[in-house]
N, C-alpha and C. Protein backbone atom coordinates (compact mmCIF):
# COMPACT_ATOMS: atom_id res chain seq x y z
N SER A 1 114.82 96.49 117.50
CA SER A 1 114.36 97.03 116.23
C SER A 1 113.91 98.48 116.39
N MET A 2 113.81 99.19 115.31
CA MET A 2 113.40 100.59 115.36
C MET A 2 111.98 100.72 115.90
N VAL A 3 111.12 99.82 115.51
CA VAL A 3 109.72 99.88 115.96
C VAL A 3 109.66 99.64 117.47
N LYS A 4 110.44 98.68 117.95
CA LYS A 4 110.46 98.39 119.39
C LYS A 4 110.94 99.61 120.17
N ASP A 5 112.02 100.24 119.70
CA ASP A 5 112.54 101.44 120.37
C ASP A 5 111.49 102.54 120.37
N TYR A 6 110.83 102.70 119.24
CA TYR A 6 109.78 103.72 119.11
C TYR A 6 108.65 103.46 120.11
N LEU A 7 108.23 102.21 120.22
CA LEU A 7 107.14 101.86 121.15
C LEU A 7 107.58 102.03 122.60
N ASN A 8 108.83 101.69 122.90
CA ASN A 8 109.33 101.87 124.27
C ASN A 8 109.36 103.35 124.66
N ARG A 9 109.60 104.21 123.68
CA ARG A 9 109.61 105.66 123.96
C ARG A 9 108.20 106.25 124.03
N SER A 10 107.18 105.46 123.65
CA SER A 10 105.82 105.99 123.54
C SER A 10 105.14 106.25 124.88
N LYS A 11 105.71 105.75 125.95
CA LYS A 11 105.14 105.92 127.29
C LYS A 11 103.78 105.22 127.45
N LEU A 12 103.49 104.25 126.61
CA LEU A 12 102.24 103.49 126.76
C LEU A 12 102.40 102.37 127.77
N GLY A 13 103.63 102.13 128.20
CA GLY A 13 103.88 101.06 129.17
C GLY A 13 103.61 99.68 128.60
N LEU A 14 103.97 99.48 127.36
CA LEU A 14 103.72 98.19 126.70
C LEU A 14 104.79 97.18 127.11
N GLU A 15 104.37 95.94 127.27
CA GLU A 15 105.31 94.85 127.47
C GLU A 15 105.54 94.28 126.07
N ILE A 16 106.77 94.32 125.59
CA ILE A 16 107.04 93.98 124.20
C ILE A 16 107.88 92.72 124.11
N TYR A 17 107.44 91.80 123.26
CA TYR A 17 108.17 90.56 122.97
C TYR A 17 108.46 90.55 121.49
N GLU A 18 109.63 90.04 121.12
CA GLU A 18 109.97 89.97 119.70
C GLU A 18 110.17 88.53 119.28
N ALA A 19 109.90 88.28 118.01
CA ALA A 19 110.16 86.96 117.44
C ALA A 19 110.88 87.16 116.12
N SER A 20 111.83 86.29 115.84
CA SER A 20 112.66 86.47 114.65
C SER A 20 112.07 85.81 113.41
N SER A 21 111.00 85.04 113.57
CA SER A 21 110.40 84.38 112.41
C SER A 21 108.91 84.19 112.67
N GLY A 22 108.20 83.80 111.63
CA GLY A 22 106.76 83.54 111.76
C GLY A 22 106.49 82.42 112.75
N GLU A 23 107.28 81.33 112.65
CA GLU A 23 107.09 80.19 113.56
C GLU A 23 107.32 80.61 115.00
N MET A 24 108.38 81.39 115.23
CA MET A 24 108.68 81.86 116.58
C MET A 24 107.55 82.77 117.09
N GLY A 25 107.01 83.56 116.19
CA GLY A 25 105.90 84.45 116.55
C GLY A 25 104.70 83.66 117.01
N VAL A 26 104.38 82.60 116.29
CA VAL A 26 103.24 81.75 116.64
C VAL A 26 103.48 81.09 117.99
N THR A 27 104.68 80.55 118.19
CA THR A 27 105.03 79.88 119.44
C THR A 27 104.98 80.86 120.61
N LYS A 28 105.58 82.04 120.41
CA LYS A 28 105.61 83.02 121.48
C LYS A 28 104.20 83.50 121.81
N ALA A 29 103.39 83.73 120.78
CA ALA A 29 102.02 84.21 121.00
C ALA A 29 101.21 83.17 121.77
N SER A 30 101.46 81.89 121.52
CA SER A 30 100.69 80.87 122.24
C SER A 30 101.07 80.84 123.72
N CYS A 31 102.29 81.24 124.05
CA CYS A 31 102.72 81.30 125.45
C CYS A 31 102.28 82.60 126.11
N VAL A 32 102.51 83.71 125.43
CA VAL A 32 102.32 85.04 126.01
C VAL A 32 100.86 85.49 125.94
N LYS A 33 100.11 85.01 124.93
CA LYS A 33 98.73 85.45 124.68
C LYS A 33 98.64 86.99 124.64
N PRO A 34 99.32 87.59 123.66
CA PRO A 34 99.38 89.05 123.60
C PRO A 34 98.05 89.67 123.20
N ASP A 35 97.87 90.93 123.60
CA ASP A 35 96.68 91.69 123.18
C ASP A 35 96.82 92.15 121.74
N ILE A 36 98.06 92.45 121.35
CA ILE A 36 98.35 92.98 120.02
C ILE A 36 99.57 92.26 119.45
N VAL A 37 99.49 91.92 118.17
CA VAL A 37 100.64 91.38 117.46
C VAL A 37 100.92 92.29 116.27
N LEU A 38 102.16 92.76 116.18
CA LEU A 38 102.61 93.49 115.00
C LEU A 38 103.30 92.46 114.12
N MET A 39 102.85 92.34 112.89
CA MET A 39 103.34 91.28 112.02
C MET A 39 103.79 91.85 110.68
N ASP A 40 104.97 91.42 110.25
CA ASP A 40 105.43 91.77 108.91
C ASP A 40 104.91 90.69 107.96
N ILE A 41 104.62 91.06 106.73
CA ILE A 41 104.15 90.05 105.78
C ILE A 41 105.31 89.22 105.26
N ASN A 42 106.45 89.87 105.06
CA ASN A 42 107.61 89.19 104.50
C ASN A 42 108.54 88.77 105.63
N LEU A 43 108.50 87.48 106.00
CA LEU A 43 109.30 86.99 107.13
C LEU A 43 110.24 85.88 106.68
N PRO A 44 111.35 85.69 107.41
CA PRO A 44 112.23 84.56 107.09
C PRO A 44 111.47 83.23 107.22
N ASN A 45 111.58 82.38 106.25
CA ASN A 45 110.97 81.03 106.24
C ASN A 45 109.47 81.00 106.42
N ALA A 46 108.79 82.11 106.23
CA ALA A 46 107.33 82.05 106.45
C ALA A 46 106.68 83.26 105.85
N ASN A 47 105.38 83.18 105.82
CA ASN A 47 104.56 84.27 105.35
C ASN A 47 103.84 84.80 106.57
N GLY A 48 103.96 86.08 106.81
CA GLY A 48 103.34 86.69 107.99
C GLY A 48 101.83 86.53 108.01
N LEU A 49 101.21 86.46 106.84
CA LEU A 49 99.75 86.26 106.79
C LEU A 49 99.38 84.90 107.38
N VAL A 50 100.16 83.89 107.04
CA VAL A 50 99.91 82.54 107.55
C VAL A 50 100.14 82.50 109.07
N ALA A 51 101.23 83.11 109.51
CA ALA A 51 101.53 83.14 110.94
C ALA A 51 100.42 83.87 111.70
N ALA A 52 99.98 85.00 111.17
CA ALA A 52 98.93 85.78 111.84
C ALA A 52 97.62 85.01 111.88
N LYS A 53 97.31 84.30 110.80
CA LYS A 53 96.08 83.50 110.74
C LYS A 53 96.12 82.42 111.84
N THR A 54 97.27 81.78 112.01
CA THR A 54 97.44 80.76 113.04
C THR A 54 97.25 81.37 114.42
N ILE A 55 97.86 82.53 114.64
CA ILE A 55 97.73 83.21 115.94
C ILE A 55 96.26 83.54 116.21
N LYS A 56 95.56 84.06 115.20
CA LYS A 56 94.15 84.42 115.37
C LYS A 56 93.28 83.19 115.64
N GLU A 57 93.61 82.06 115.01
CA GLU A 57 92.85 80.82 115.26
C GLU A 57 93.03 80.37 116.70
N ASP A 58 94.27 80.47 117.21
CA ASP A 58 94.57 80.05 118.58
C ASP A 58 94.08 81.06 119.61
N HIS A 59 94.02 82.31 119.22
CA HIS A 59 93.83 83.40 120.18
C HIS A 59 92.98 84.49 119.49
N PRO A 60 91.67 84.21 119.30
CA PRO A 60 90.81 85.08 118.48
C PRO A 60 90.73 86.54 118.95
N ASP A 61 90.97 86.81 120.22
CA ASP A 61 90.86 88.18 120.72
C ASP A 61 92.10 89.02 120.43
N CYS A 62 93.14 88.39 119.93
CA CYS A 62 94.37 89.11 119.64
C CYS A 62 94.15 90.10 118.49
N ASN A 63 94.65 91.31 118.64
CA ASN A 63 94.58 92.31 117.58
C ASN A 63 95.84 92.23 116.74
N VAL A 64 95.68 91.97 115.45
CA VAL A 64 96.83 91.87 114.55
C VAL A 64 96.95 93.17 113.76
N ILE A 65 98.15 93.74 113.78
CA ILE A 65 98.45 94.91 112.96
C ILE A 65 99.60 94.53 112.04
N PHE A 66 99.36 94.63 110.75
CA PHE A 66 100.43 94.33 109.78
C PHE A 66 101.25 95.58 109.52
N LEU A 67 102.56 95.41 109.52
CA LEU A 67 103.50 96.45 109.11
C LEU A 67 104.23 95.89 107.90
N THR A 68 104.19 96.59 106.79
CA THR A 68 104.79 96.01 105.60
C THR A 68 105.26 97.06 104.61
N ILE A 69 106.25 96.68 103.81
CA ILE A 69 106.64 97.56 102.71
C ILE A 69 105.77 97.26 101.50
N PHE A 70 105.01 96.17 101.57
CA PHE A 70 104.17 95.78 100.43
C PHE A 70 102.75 96.29 100.61
N GLY A 71 102.46 97.48 100.12
CA GLY A 71 101.11 98.02 100.23
C GLY A 71 100.23 97.49 99.12
N VAL A 72 100.28 96.19 98.89
CA VAL A 72 99.62 95.58 97.74
C VAL A 72 98.19 95.18 98.11
N GLU A 73 97.28 95.42 97.20
CA GLU A 73 95.86 95.17 97.44
C GLU A 73 95.59 93.72 97.85
N VAL A 74 96.28 92.77 97.22
CA VAL A 74 96.04 91.35 97.53
C VAL A 74 96.39 91.05 98.99
N PHE A 75 97.43 91.71 99.50
CA PHE A 75 97.80 91.52 100.91
C PHE A 75 96.78 92.17 101.83
N LYS A 76 96.30 93.36 101.43
CA LYS A 76 95.29 94.04 102.25
C LYS A 76 94.04 93.19 102.36
N LYS A 77 93.64 92.58 101.25
CA LYS A 77 92.45 91.71 101.24
C LYS A 77 92.68 90.51 102.17
N ALA A 78 93.85 89.92 102.08
CA ALA A 78 94.17 88.76 102.92
C ALA A 78 94.16 89.17 104.40
N ALA A 79 94.67 90.36 104.69
CA ALA A 79 94.69 90.86 106.07
C ALA A 79 93.26 91.05 106.57
N GLU A 80 92.38 91.54 105.69
CA GLU A 80 90.97 91.71 106.07
C GLU A 80 90.32 90.36 106.35
N THR A 81 90.68 89.37 105.56
CA THR A 81 90.11 88.03 105.72
C THR A 81 90.38 87.47 107.11
N ILE A 82 91.57 87.75 107.64
CA ILE A 82 91.86 87.24 108.99
C ILE A 82 91.49 88.27 110.06
N ARG A 83 90.74 89.29 109.66
CA ARG A 83 90.25 90.31 110.59
C ARG A 83 91.38 91.05 111.29
N ALA A 84 92.39 91.44 110.52
CA ALA A 84 93.46 92.27 111.07
C ALA A 84 92.89 93.64 111.42
N LYS A 85 93.41 94.25 112.47
CA LYS A 85 92.93 95.57 112.91
C LYS A 85 93.42 96.67 112.00
N ALA A 86 94.63 96.51 111.46
CA ALA A 86 95.20 97.56 110.63
C ALA A 86 96.26 96.98 109.71
N PHE A 87 96.52 97.72 108.66
CA PHE A 87 97.51 97.34 107.65
C PHE A 87 98.29 98.62 107.39
N ILE A 88 99.52 98.69 107.90
CA ILE A 88 100.28 99.94 107.85
C ILE A 88 101.53 99.76 107.00
N CYS A 89 101.67 100.61 105.99
CA CYS A 89 102.90 100.59 105.20
C CYS A 89 104.02 101.18 106.04
N LYS A 90 105.20 100.61 105.89
CA LYS A 90 106.31 101.00 106.77
C LYS A 90 106.61 102.50 106.71
N ASN A 91 106.35 103.15 105.57
CA ASN A 91 106.57 104.60 105.47
C ASN A 91 105.66 105.37 106.42
N ASP A 92 104.52 104.77 106.78
CA ASP A 92 103.52 105.45 107.59
C ASP A 92 103.54 105.04 109.06
N VAL A 93 104.51 104.23 109.45
CA VAL A 93 104.54 103.67 110.80
C VAL A 93 104.46 104.77 111.86
N TYR A 94 105.25 105.82 111.70
CA TYR A 94 105.33 106.83 112.76
C TYR A 94 104.05 107.66 112.87
N GLU A 95 103.28 107.75 111.80
CA GLU A 95 102.00 108.47 111.88
C GLU A 95 100.88 107.56 112.38
N GLN A 96 100.90 106.31 111.95
CA GLN A 96 99.72 105.46 112.14
C GLN A 96 99.80 104.44 113.27
N LEU A 97 101.00 104.02 113.64
CA LEU A 97 101.10 102.89 114.55
C LEU A 97 100.54 103.18 115.95
N LEU A 98 100.96 104.27 116.57
CA LEU A 98 100.46 104.53 117.94
C LEU A 98 98.95 104.72 117.98
N PRO A 99 98.36 105.49 117.05
CA PRO A 99 96.89 105.58 117.08
C PRO A 99 96.21 104.22 116.95
N GLU A 100 96.75 103.33 116.11
CA GLU A 100 96.15 102.00 115.95
C GLU A 100 96.32 101.17 117.22
N ILE A 101 97.46 101.25 117.85
CA ILE A 101 97.69 100.51 119.10
C ILE A 101 96.73 101.03 120.18
N LYS A 102 96.58 102.34 120.26
CA LYS A 102 95.70 102.92 121.28
C LYS A 102 94.26 102.44 121.08
N LYS A 103 93.84 102.29 119.83
CA LYS A 103 92.48 101.80 119.55
C LYS A 103 92.31 100.37 120.08
N CYS A 104 93.40 99.59 120.08
CA CYS A 104 93.33 98.19 120.51
C CYS A 104 93.37 98.06 122.03
N LEU A 105 93.89 99.08 122.72
CA LEU A 105 94.12 98.92 124.16
C LEU A 105 92.86 99.15 124.99
């Protein structure tokens, strides 16, 4: 993905895992126990908010950063409810993502 390529070029030395759906994300997170999860709200067969909430319940120290085209207030509120670290609109990814990741590291 473009975000993965961008992060690989960032020189932060991140180990990156991808999941193609919310369910896969939850499963992978339970195995990998990541420090940071980048989550889209609109996912195939699932809602990213639900997947992120499950990951946070299983792994409370995980930092969740939402990346979404939906900069909708109701989603931002839901992201706050699950204590997401950041909520980034996809247009702002290149300005905001690395600073947010660095805050989590």
